[in-house]
Amino acid sequence: MTVKAKRASIDQPMSAIQRRALRRRRINRGINYLIGILIALWIILPIYLIASLAFSSVEGVRDFPKTIFPFTDISLETFKFFINTTGIVDSTINSVIVAMMTLVLSTLIAAPAGYALSRYIFPGRDLFRLGILAVRAFPIVILAVPLAVMFINLNIFDEVYTVALMHTALTLPTTVLVIASVFASVPRELEEAAIVFGATPLRAFLSVVMPLALPGIAASAIFTFVMSWNEVFAATILTLRNRTLPAQVLSVLDTSPEPFQFAGGFFMLIPSLIFIFFIRRYLFNMWGQVSK
């Protein structure tokens, strides 16, 4: 077929079937965009409202009716009121310590467990994976109350590290499964090639597998940090004086004024927002690797 014939075939009007198929694709694409926009608004709108009230003055929080664009008069008065409340600074430090300890413990335990699940076939492997999912499906109260009794008997109740141990137990199933999917995305052939060229299995793991899996492990670790930071039920049960920030806010929520509530809500959202902003690329990569 000559170039002129090809151009003539392209310029021919579409048939009715082709027009209907094109219209259907455009409608489906428009519906998908509309659903995505509605889901985004469902998530973003509450965050926007909380942030707008958190950066308002104490009088602005109580003003009614609210303006559509409340950021016209930005003030840190509400944030200062929240931070200067008794117990907030100490509980924030406790939350950071607990979340960091949970991050380190969960990653150190989940990395070898995830590698074993992704690389080796052993008796009870599927049962072990099912057990991990079952532990994650348990209500928190099933784990928190018995552990609280055990910690009281061991005289380690109301300690920061006991909350970290509890959070490690809660986050470990998710961390193991995520890190296992990260290791599974690393081609086994690269590790085998390193062994063929004289590297030991440990050397191949450290020099080949770990550099490729490190971004995914880092994303999983920060996700663990956010899960520990936001956890409130177990921290409330296991502490009385050394409370984490969510437990401290929850304990005084019913008696606190509105500025305290909005500033506290946005303050606890900050780590999650930072996590989503900086780690979104790694999360998309991990999702693509898992879905293959």
C-alpha atoms as a PDB file:
ATOM      1  CA  MET A   1       0.000   0.000   0.000  1.00  0.00           C
ATOM      2  CA  THR A   2       1.396   3.383  -1.021  1.00  0.00           C
ATOM      3  CA  VAL A   3       1.684   6.384   1.271  1.00  0.00           C
ATOM      4  CA  LYS A   4      -1.203   8.079  -0.544  1.00  0.00           C
ATOM      5  CA  ALA A   5      -3.429   5.011  -0.057  1.00  0.00           C
ATOM      6  CA  LYS A   6      -2.590   4.844   3.636  1.00  0.00           C
ATOM      7  CA  ARG A   7      -3.409   8.528   4.052  1.00  0.00           C
ATOM      8  CA  ALA A   8      -6.687   8.012   2.249  1.00  0.00           C
ATOM      9  CA  SER A   9      -7.598   5.071   4.520  1.00  0.00           C
ATOM     10  CA  ILE A  10      -6.807   7.166   7.587  1.00  0.00           C
ATOM     11  CA  ASP A  11      -8.919  10.072   6.336  1.00  0.00           C
ATOM     12  CA  GLN A  12     -11.943   7.829   5.816  1.00  0.00           C
ATOM     13  CA  PRO A  13     -14.798   8.573   8.240  1.00  0.00           C
ATOM     14  CA  MET A  14     -15.199   6.172  11.144  1.00  0.00           C
ATOM     15  CA  SER A  15     -17.952   3.620  11.058  1.00  0.00           C
ATOM     16  CA  ALA A  16     -20.859   3.680  13.482  1.00  0.00           C
ATOM     17  CA  ILE A  17     -19.344   0.815  15.502  1.00  0.00           C
ATOM     18  CA  GLN A  18     -16.018   2.653  15.809  1.00  0.00           C
ATOM     19  CA  ARG A  19     -17.773   5.841  16.893  1.00  0.00           C
ATOM     20  CA  ARG A  20     -19.754   3.987  19.553  1.00  0.00           C
ATOM     21  CA  ALA A  21     -16.604   2.256  20.825  1.00  0.00           C
ATOM     22  CA  LEU A  22     -14.760   5.589  20.991  1.00  0.00           C
ATOM     23  CA  ARG A  23     -17.707   7.213  22.789  1.00  0.00           C
ATOM     24  CA  ARG A  24     -17.838   4.314  25.244  1.00  0.00           C
ATOM     25  CA  ARG A  25     -14.125   4.638  25.996  1.00  0.00           C
ATOM     26  CA  ARG A  26     -14.492   8.377  26.593  1.00  0.00           C
ATOM     27  CA  ILE A  27     -17.477   7.818  28.883  1.00  0.00           C
ATOM     28  CA  ASN A  28     -15.612   5.144  30.859  1.00  0.00           C
ATOM     29  CA  ARG A  29     -12.568   7.410  31.148  1.00  0.00           C
ATOM     30  CA  GLY A  30     -14.756  10.268  32.318  1.00  0.00           C
ATOM     31  CA  ILE A  31     -16.446   8.052  34.915  1.00  0.00           C
ATOM     32  CA  ASN A  32     -13.055   6.891  36.195  1.00  0.00           C
ATOM     33  CA  TYR A  33     -11.850  10.484  36.494  1.00  0.00           C
ATOM     34  CA  LEU A  34     -15.063  11.481  38.268  1.00  0.00           C
ATOM     35  CA  ILE A  35     -14.750   8.619  40.767  1.00  0.00           C
ATOM     36  CA  GLY A  36     -11.090   9.511  41.388  1.00  0.00           C
ATOM     37  CA  ILE A  37     -11.973  13.178  41.958  1.00  0.00           C
ATOM     38  CA  LEU A  38     -14.771  12.246  44.389  1.00  0.00           C
ATOM     39  CA  ILE A  39     -12.469   9.920  46.359  1.00  0.00           C
ATOM     40  CA  ALA A  40      -9.776  12.621  46.476  1.00  0.00           C
ATOM     41  CA  LEU A  41     -12.294  15.192  47.718  1.00  0.00           C
ATOM     42  CA  TRP A  42     -13.589  12.721  50.313  1.00  0.00           C
ATOM     43  CA  ILE A  43     -10.042  12.411  51.695  1.00  0.00           C
ATOM     44  CA  ILE A  44      -8.747  15.953  51.187  1.00  0.00           C
ATOM     45  CA  LEU A  45     -11.786  17.960  52.335  1.00  0.00           C
ATOM     46  CA  PRO A  46     -11.653  16.874  56.040  1.00  0.00           C
ATOM     47  CA  ILE A  47      -7.876  17.463  56.093  1.00  0.00           C
ATOM     48  CA  TYR A  48      -8.400  20.912  54.570  1.00  0.00           C
ATOM     49  CA  LEU A  49     -11.081  21.838  57.107  1.00  0.00           C
ATOM     50  CA  ILE A  50      -8.994  20.632  60.076  1.00  0.00           C
ATOM     51  CA  ALA A  51      -5.910  22.458  58.781  1.00  0.00           C
ATOM     52  CA  SER A  52      -7.859  25.673  58.201  1.00  0.00           C
ATOM     53  CA  LEU A  53      -9.187  25.643  61.757  1.00  0.00           C
ATOM     54  CA  ALA A  54      -5.812  24.637  63.204  1.00  0.00           C
ATOM     55  CA  PHE A  55      -4.218  27.718  61.617  1.00  0.00           C
ATOM     56  CA  SER A  56      -6.965  30.059  62.790  1.00  0.00           C
ATOM     57  CA  SER A  57      -7.117  32.180  65.902  1.00  0.00           C
ATOM     58  CA  VAL A  58      -9.006  30.948  68.939  1.00  0.00           C
ATOM     59  CA  GLU A  59     -11.831  33.365  68.128  1.00  0.00           C
ATOM     60  CA  GLY A  60     -11.769  32.297  64.472  1.00  0.00           C
ATOM     61  CA  VAL A  61     -12.352  28.658  65.431  1.00  0.00           C
ATOM     62  CA  ARG A  62     -15.575  29.609  67.183  1.00  0.00           C
ATOM     63  CA  ASP A  63     -16.787  32.032  64.502  1.00  0.00           C
ATOM     64  CA  PHE A  64     -19.927  31.052  62.588  1.00  0.00           C
ATOM     65  CA  PRO A  65     -20.682  30.861  59.726  1.00  0.00           C
ATOM     66  CA  LYS A  66     -17.309  29.814  58.332  1.00  0.00           C
ATOM     67  CA  THR A  67     -15.876  31.312  55.166  1.00  0.00           C
ATOM     68  CA  ILE A  68     -15.160  29.193  52.106  1.00  0.00           C
ATOM     69  CA  PHE A  69     -11.480  30.185  52.168  1.00  0.00           C
ATOM     70  CA  PRO A  70     -10.595  30.382  55.876  1.00  0.00           C
ATOM     71  CA  PHE A  71      -6.845  30.743  55.212  1.00  0.00           C
ATOM     72  CA  THR A  72      -7.233  34.472  54.627  1.00  0.00           C
ATOM     73  CA  ASP A  73      -6.364  35.132  58.289  1.00  0.00           C
ATOM     74  CA  ILE A  74      -3.615  32.669  59.246  1.00  0.00           C
ATOM     75  CA  SER A  75      -2.675  32.520  62.909  1.00  0.00           C
ATOM     76  CA  LEU A  76      -0.524  30.219  65.035  1.00  0.00           C
ATOM     77  CA  GLU A  77      -2.489  31.060  68.171  1.00  0.00           C
ATOM     78  CA  THR A  78      -4.416  27.775  68.154  1.00  0.00           C
ATOM     79  CA  PHE A  79      -1.222  25.751  67.667  1.00  0.00           C
ATOM     80  CA  LYS A  80       0.510  27.612  70.502  1.00  0.00           C
ATOM     81  CA  PHE A  81      -2.495  26.960  72.722  1.00  0.00           C
ATOM     82  CA  PHE A  82      -2.303  23.243  71.931  1.00  0.00           C
ATOM     83  CA  ILE A  83       1.468  22.882  72.383  1.00  0.00           C
ATOM     84  CA  ASN A  84       1.480  24.837  75.647  1.00  0.00           C
ATOM     85  CA  THR A  85      -1.149  22.535  77.155  1.00  0.00           C
ATOM     86  CA  THR A  86       0.197  20.418  80.009  1.00  0.00           C
ATOM     87  CA  GLY A  87       1.510  17.036  78.887  1.00  0.00           C
ATOM     88  CA  ILE A  88       1.561  17.668  75.123  1.00  0.00           C
ATOM     89  CA  VAL A  89       5.336  18.143  74.735  1.00  0.00           C
ATOM     90  CA  ASP A  90       6.159  15.115  76.898  1.00  0.00           C
ATOM     91  CA  SER A  91       3.616  12.924  75.119  1.00  0.00           C
ATOM     92  CA  THR A  92       4.962  14.039  71.737  1.00  0.00           C
ATOM     93  CA  ILE A  93       8.477  13.007  72.788  1.00  0.00           C
ATOM     94  CA  ASN A  94       7.084   9.666  73.985  1.00  0.00           C
ATOM     95  CA  SER A  95       5.337   9.153  70.634  1.00  0.00           C
ATOM     96  CA  VAL A  96       8.558   9.812  68.717  1.00  0.00           C
ATOM     97  CA  ILE A  97      10.529   7.402  70.944  1.00  0.00           C
ATOM     98  CA  VAL A  98       7.876   4.680  70.714  1.00  0.00           C
ATOM     99  CA  ALA A  99       7.533   5.052  66.940  1.00  0.00           C
ATOM    100  CA  MET A 100      11.313   4.938  66.407  1.00  0.00           C
ATOM    101  CA  MET A 101      11.699   1.855  68.602  1.00  0.00           C
ATOM    102  CA  THR A 102       8.804   0.195  66.773  1.00  0.00           C
ATOM    103  CA  LEU A 103      10.363   1.069  63.415  1.00  0.00           C
ATOM    104  CA  VAL A 104      13.738  -0.437  64.351  1.00  0.00           C
ATOM    105  CA  LEU A 105      12.341  -3.597  65.978  1.00  0.00           C
ATOM    106  CA  SER A 106       9.799  -4.288  63.225  1.00  0.00           C
ATOM    107  CA  THR A 107      12.334  -3.776  60.435  1.00  0.00           C
ATOM    108  CA  LEU A 108      15.027  -5.910  62.086  1.00  0.00           C
ATOM    109  CA  ILE A 109      12.567  -8.769  62.577  1.00  0.00           C
ATOM    110  CA  ALA A 110      10.598  -8.388  59.352  1.00  0.00           C
ATOM    111  CA  ALA A 111      13.580  -8.135  56.976  1.00  0.00           C
ATOM    112  CA  PRO A 112      14.873 -11.726  57.482  1.00  0.00           C
ATOM    113  CA  ALA A 113      11.324 -13.067  57.810  1.00  0.00           C
ATOM    114  CA  GLY A 114      10.238 -11.363  54.578  1.00  0.00           C
ATOM    115  CA  TYR A 115      13.362 -12.584  52.780  1.00  0.00           C
ATOM    116  CA  ALA A 116      12.701 -16.159  53.888  1.00  0.00           C
ATOM    117  CA  LEU A 117       9.077 -15.980  52.738  1.00  0.00           C
ATOM    118  CA  SER A 118      10.056 -14.625  49.333  1.00  0.00           C
ATOM    119  CA  ARG A 119      13.040 -16.864  48.601  1.00  0.00           C
ATOM    120  CA  TYR A 120      12.600 -20.237  50.303  1.00  0.00           C
ATOM    121  CA  ILE A 121       9.985 -22.957  50.207  1.00  0.00           C
ATOM    122  CA  PHE A 122       9.769 -24.739  53.560  1.00  0.00           C
ATOM    123  CA  PRO A 123       7.191 -26.886  55.366  1.00  0.00           C
ATOM    124  CA  GLY A 124       4.441 -24.749  56.849  1.00  0.00           C
ATOM    125  CA  ARG A 125       5.210 -21.708  54.712  1.00  0.00           C
ATOM    126  CA  ASP A 126       1.586 -21.143  53.696  1.00  0.00           C
ATOM    127  CA  LEU A 127       0.452 -21.786  57.260  1.00  0.00           C
ATOM    128  CA  PHE A 128       2.987 -19.265  58.512  1.00  0.00           C
ATOM    129  CA  ARG A 129       1.724 -16.672  56.039  1.00  0.00           C
ATOM    130  CA  LEU A 130      -1.861 -17.409  57.066  1.00  0.00           C
ATOM    131  CA  GLY A 131      -0.871 -17.042  60.721  1.00  0.00           C
ATOM    132  CA  ILE A 132       0.603 -13.613  59.991  1.00  0.00           C
ATOM    133  CA  LEU A 133      -2.653 -12.504  58.386  1.00  0.00           C
ATOM    134  CA  ALA A 134      -4.662 -13.977  61.270  1.00  0.00           C
ATOM    135  CA  VAL A 135      -2.662 -12.029  63.853  1.00  0.00           C
ATOM    136  CA  ARG A 136      -3.213  -8.837  61.863  1.00  0.00           C
ATOM    137  CA  ALA A 137      -6.949  -9.539  61.756  1.00  0.00           C
ATOM    138  CA  PHE A 138      -7.246  -9.856  65.543  1.00  0.00           C
ATOM    139  CA  PRO A 139      -8.897  -6.901  67.295  1.00  0.00           C
ATOM    140  CA  ILE A 140      -6.364  -4.846  69.239  1.00  0.00           C
ATOM    141  CA  VAL A 141      -8.172  -5.541  72.514  1.00  0.00           C
ATOM    142  CA  ILE A 142      -7.361  -9.265  72.188  1.00  0.00           C
ATOM    143  CA  LEU A 143      -3.648  -8.424  72.313  1.00  0.00           C
ATOM    144  CA  ALA A 144      -3.658  -5.288  74.464  1.00  0.00           C
ATOM    145  CA  VAL A 145      -5.539  -6.538  77.520  1.00  0.00           C
ATOM    146  CA  PRO A 146      -3.526  -9.781  78.057  1.00  0.00           C
ATOM    147  CA  LEU A 147      -0.287  -7.892  77.484  1.00  0.00           C
ATOM    148  CA  ALA A 148      -1.358  -5.232  79.994  1.00  0.00           C
ATOM    149  CA  VAL A 149      -1.939  -7.950  82.608  1.00  0.00           C
ATOM    150  CA  MET A 150       1.441  -9.533  81.801  1.00  0.00           C
ATOM    151  CA  PHE A 151       3.241  -6.180  81.989  1.00  0.00           C
ATOM    152  CA  ILE A 152       1.628  -5.455  85.380  1.00  0.00           C
ATOM    153  CA  ASN A 153       2.774  -8.841  86.689  1.00  0.00           C
ATOM    154  CA  LEU A 154       6.303  -8.193  85.372  1.00  0.00           C
ATOM    155  CA  ASN A 155       6.305  -4.700  86.916  1.00  0.00           C
ATOM    156  CA  ILE A 156       6.974  -3.025  83.549  1.00  0.00           C
ATOM    157  CA  PHE A 157       3.559  -1.405  83.121  1.00  0.00           C
ATOM    158  CA  ASP A 158       3.347   2.260  82.089  1.00  0.00           C
ATOM    159  CA  GLU A 159       6.736   2.306  80.368  1.00  0.00           C
ATOM    160  CA  VAL A 160       7.595   3.689  76.967  1.00  0.00           C
ATOM    161  CA  TYR A 161       9.328   0.533  75.773  1.00  0.00           C
ATOM    162  CA  THR A 162       6.322  -1.645  76.680  1.00  0.00           C
ATOM    163  CA  VAL A 163       4.190   0.431  74.295  1.00  0.00           C
ATOM    164  CA  ALA A 164       6.899  -0.026  71.658  1.00  0.00           C
ATOM    165  CA  LEU A 165       6.770  -3.803  72.154  1.00  0.00           C
ATOM    166  CA  MET A 166       2.996  -3.722  71.782  1.00  0.00           C
ATOM    167  CA  HIS A 167       3.193  -1.619  68.628  1.00  0.00           C
ATOM    168  CA  THR A 168       5.821  -3.979  67.225  1.00  0.00           C
ATOM    169  CA  ALA A 169       3.416  -6.874  67.698  1.00  0.00           C
ATOM    170  CA  LEU A 170       0.689  -4.891  65.937  1.00  0.00           C
ATOM    171  CA  THR A 171       2.753  -3.657  62.993  1.00  0.00           C
ATOM    172  CA  LEU A 172       4.946  -6.715  62.429  1.00  0.00           C
ATOM    173  CA  PRO A 173       2.467  -8.717  60.278  1.00  0.00           C
ATOM    174  CA  THR A 174       2.011  -5.858  57.821  1.00  0.00           C
ATOM    175  CA  THR A 175       5.747  -5.114  57.765  1.00  0.00           C
ATOM    176  CA  VAL A 176       6.644  -8.757  57.076  1.00  0.00           C
ATOM    177  CA  LEU A 177       4.210  -9.060  54.169  1.00  0.00           C
ATOM    178  CA  VAL A 178       5.257  -5.737  52.616  1.00  0.00           C
ATOM    179  CA  ILE A 179       8.977  -6.491  52.886  1.00  0.00           C
ATOM    180  CA  ALA A 180       8.358  -9.997  51.508  1.00  0.00           C
ATOM    181  CA  SER A 181       6.740  -8.443  48.425  1.00  0.00           C
ATOM    182  CA  VAL A 182       9.725  -6.089  48.093  1.00  0.00           C
ATOM    183  CA  PHE A 183      12.225  -8.970  48.142  1.00  0.00           C
ATOM    184  CA  ALA A 184      10.037 -10.951  45.730  1.00  0.00           C
ATOM    185  CA  SER A 185      10.325  -8.094  43.215  1.00  0.00           C
ATOM    186  CA  VAL A 186      14.144  -8.442  43.153  1.00  0.00           C
ATOM    187  CA  PRO A 187      15.062 -10.967  40.419  1.00  0.00           C
ATOM    188  CA  ARG A 188      16.476 -14.157  41.868  1.00  0.00           C
ATOM    189  CA  GLU A 189      18.840 -14.417  38.871  1.00  0.00           C
ATOM    190  CA  LEU A 190      20.885 -11.446  40.084  1.00  0.00           C
ATOM    191  CA  GLU A 191      21.542 -13.129  43.409  1.00  0.00           C
ATOM    192  CA  GLU A 192      22.377 -16.441  41.722  1.00  0.00           C
ATOM    193  CA  ALA A 193      24.771 -14.686  39.335  1.00  0.00           C
ATOM    194  CA  ALA A 194      26.641 -13.135  42.261  1.00  0.00           C
ATOM    195  CA  ILE A 195      26.977 -16.577  43.876  1.00  0.00           C
ATOM    196  CA  VAL A 196      28.247 -18.042  40.589  1.00  0.00           C
ATOM    197  CA  PHE A 197      30.954 -15.383  40.459  1.00  0.00           C
ATOM    198  CA  GLY A 198      32.203 -16.378  43.908  1.00  0.00           C
ATOM    199  CA  ALA A 199      30.120 -14.398  46.386  1.00  0.00           C
ATOM    200  CA  THR A 200      28.777 -16.124  49.454  1.00  0.00           C
ATOM    201  CA  PRO A 201      24.983 -16.126  49.963  1.00  0.00           C
ATOM    202  CA  LEU A 202      25.373 -13.500  52.700  1.00  0.00           C
ATOM    203  CA  ARG A 203      27.606 -11.355  50.469  1.00  0.00           C
ATOM    204  CA  ALA A 204      25.144 -11.675  47.584  1.00  0.00           C
ATOM    205  CA  PHE A 205      22.296 -10.656  49.879  1.00  0.00           C
ATOM    206  CA  LEU A 206      24.129  -7.612  51.233  1.00  0.00           C
ATOM    207  CA  SER A 207      25.683  -6.447  47.950  1.00  0.00           C
ATOM    208  CA  VAL A 208      22.954  -7.281  45.429  1.00  0.00           C
ATOM    209  CA  VAL A 209      19.569  -7.802  47.045  1.00  0.00           C
ATOM    210  CA  MET A 210      19.657  -5.195  49.803  1.00  0.00           C
ATOM    211  CA  PRO A 211      20.581  -2.168  47.617  1.00  0.00           C
ATOM    212  CA  LEU A 212      17.685  -2.985  45.273  1.00  0.00           C
ATOM    213  CA  ALA A 213      15.221  -3.612  48.104  1.00  0.00           C
ATOM    214  CA  LEU A 214      16.326  -0.739  50.322  1.00  0.00           C
ATOM    215  CA  PRO A 215      13.860   1.882  48.968  1.00  0.00           C
ATOM    216  CA  GLY A 216      10.934  -0.464  49.558  1.00  0.00           C
ATOM    217  CA  ILE A 217      12.195  -1.373  53.027  1.00  0.00           C
ATOM    218  CA  ALA A 218      12.569   2.330  53.835  1.00  0.00           C
ATOM    219  CA  ALA A 219       8.989   2.986  52.718  1.00  0.00           C
ATOM    220  CA  SER A 220       7.785   0.065  54.812  1.00  0.00           C
ATOM    221  CA  ALA A 221       9.739   1.349  57.830  1.00  0.00           C
ATOM    222  CA  ILE A 222       8.218   4.812  57.572  1.00  0.00           C
ATOM    223  CA  PHE A 223       4.775   3.255  57.165  1.00  0.00           C
ATOM    224  CA  THR A 224       5.455   1.365  60.390  1.00  0.00           C
ATOM    225  CA  PHE A 225       6.433   4.659  62.039  1.00  0.00           C
ATOM    226  CA  VAL A 226       3.130   6.243  60.995  1.00  0.00           C
ATOM    227  CA  MET A 227       1.109   3.239  62.207  1.00  0.00           C
ATOM    228  CA  SER A 228       2.804   3.427  65.611  1.00  0.00           C
ATOM    229  CA  TRP A 229       2.379   7.205  65.773  1.00  0.00           C
ATOM    230  CA  ASN A 230      -1.376   6.989  65.115  1.00  0.00           C
ATOM    231  CA  GLU A 231      -2.131   4.007  67.381  1.00  0.00           C
ATOM    232  CA  VAL A 232      -4.209   5.032  70.389  1.00  0.00           C
ATOM    233  CA  PHE A 233      -6.065   2.076  71.933  1.00  0.00           C
ATOM    234  CA  ALA A 234      -3.112  -0.002  73.146  1.00  0.00           C
ATOM    235  CA  ALA A 235      -1.195   3.102  74.222  1.00  0.00           C
ATOM    236  CA  THR A 236      -4.182   4.194  76.321  1.00  0.00           C
ATOM    237  CA  ILE A 237      -4.482   0.813  78.029  1.00  0.00           C
ATOM    238  CA  LEU A 238      -0.754   0.322  78.668  1.00  0.00           C
ATOM    239  CA  THR A 239       0.056   3.782  80.053  1.00  0.00           C
ATOM    240  CA  LEU A 240      -1.142   6.158  82.734  1.00  0.00           C
ATOM    241  CA  ARG A 241       1.638   8.739  83.064  1.00  0.00           C
ATOM    242  CA  ASN A 242       3.925   8.047  80.085  1.00  0.00           C
ATOM    243  CA  ARG A 243       1.233   8.467  77.459  1.00  0.00           C
ATOM    244  CA  THR A 244       1.840   8.892  73.755  1.00  0.00           C
ATOM    245  CA  LEU A 245       0.367  11.902  71.978  1.00  0.00           C
ATOM    246  CA  PRO A 246      -2.815  10.182  70.656  1.00  0.00           C
ATOM    247  CA  ALA A 247      -3.466   8.648  74.083  1.00  0.00           C
ATOM    248  CA  GLN A 248      -2.899  12.001  75.783  1.00  0.00           C
ATOM    249  CA  VAL A 249      -5.240  13.812  73.393  1.00  0.00           C
ATOM    250  CA  LEU A 250      -7.893  11.110  73.757  1.00  0.00           C
ATOM    251  CA  SER A 251      -7.745  11.229  77.547  1.00  0.00           C
ATOM    252  CA  VAL A 252      -8.645  14.941  77.630  1.00  0.00           C
ATOM    253  CA  LEU A 253     -10.719  15.145  74.455  1.00  0.00           C
ATOM    254  CA  ASP A 254     -14.135  15.277  76.118  1.00  0.00           C
ATOM    255  CA  THR A 255     -13.117  18.198  78.365  1.00  0.00           C
ATOM    256  CA  SER A 256     -10.929  20.142  75.907  1.00  0.00           C
ATOM    257  CA  PRO A 257     -12.078  23.229  73.954  1.00  0.00           C
ATOM    258  CA  GLU A 258     -12.512  23.279  70.186  1.00  0.00           C
ATOM    259  CA  PRO A 259      -9.143  24.957  69.392  1.00  0.00           C
ATOM    260  CA  PHE A 260      -7.323  22.168  71.243  1.00  0.00           C
ATOM    261  CA  GLN A 261      -9.218  19.489  69.310  1.00  0.00           C
ATOM    262  CA  PHE A 262      -8.584  20.926  65.830  1.00  0.00           C
ATOM    263  CA  ALA A 263      -4.939  21.774  66.494  1.00  0.00           C
ATOM    264  CA  GLY A 264      -4.372  18.323  68.010  1.00  0.00           C
ATOM    265  CA  GLY A 265      -6.054  16.590  65.086  1.00  0.00           C
ATOM    266  CA  PHE A 266      -3.891  18.357  62.520  1.00  0.00           C
ATOM    267  CA  PHE A 267      -0.726  17.971  64.622  1.00  0.00           C
ATOM    268  CA  MET A 268      -1.200  14.187  64.634  1.00  0.00           C
ATOM    269  CA  LEU A 269      -1.731  14.224  60.846  1.00  0.00           C
ATOM    270  CA  ILE A 270       1.633  15.842  60.109  1.00  0.00           C
ATOM    271  CA  PRO A 271       3.755  12.611  60.075  1.00  0.00           C
ATOM    272  CA  SER A 272       1.231  10.902  57.773  1.00  0.00           C
ATOM    273  CA  LEU A 273       1.228  13.845  55.363  1.00  0.00           C
ATOM    274  CA  ILE A 274       5.029  13.930  55.296  1.00  0.00           C
ATOM    275  CA  PHE A 275       5.106  10.175  54.717  1.00  0.00           C
ATOM    276  CA  ILE A 276       2.688  10.359  51.791  1.00  0.00           C
ATOM    277  CA  PHE A 277       4.534  13.294  50.199  1.00  0.00           C
ATOM    278  CA  PHE A 278       8.048  11.841  50.291  1.00  0.00           C
ATOM    279  CA  ILE A 279       7.350   8.105  49.928  1.00  0.00           C
ATOM    280  CA  ARG A 280       4.557   8.113  47.339  1.00  0.00           C
ATOM    281  CA  ARG A 281       6.955   7.178  44.504  1.00  0.00           C
ATOM    282  CA  TYR A 282       8.196   4.089  46.363  1.00  0.00           C
ATOM    283  CA  LEU A 283       4.620   3.087  47.229  1.00  0.00           C
ATOM    284  CA  PHE A 284       3.576   3.281  43.569  1.00  0.00           C
ATOM    285  CA  ASN A 285       6.597   1.210  42.572  1.00  0.00           C
ATOM    286  CA  MET A 286       5.808  -1.395  45.228  1.00  0.00           C
ATOM    287  CA  TRP A 287       2.168  -1.549  44.118  1.00  0.00           C
ATOM    288  CA  GLY A 288       3.241  -2.116  40.528  1.00  0.00           C
ATOM    289  CA  GLN A 289       5.674  -4.856  41.581  1.00  0.00           C
ATOM    290  CA  VAL A 290       3.085  -6.648  43.728  1.00  0.00           C
ATOM    291  CA  SER A 291       0.414  -6.499  41.027  1.00  0.00           C
ATOM    292  CA  LYS A 292       2.652  -8.098  38.379  1.00  0.00           C
END
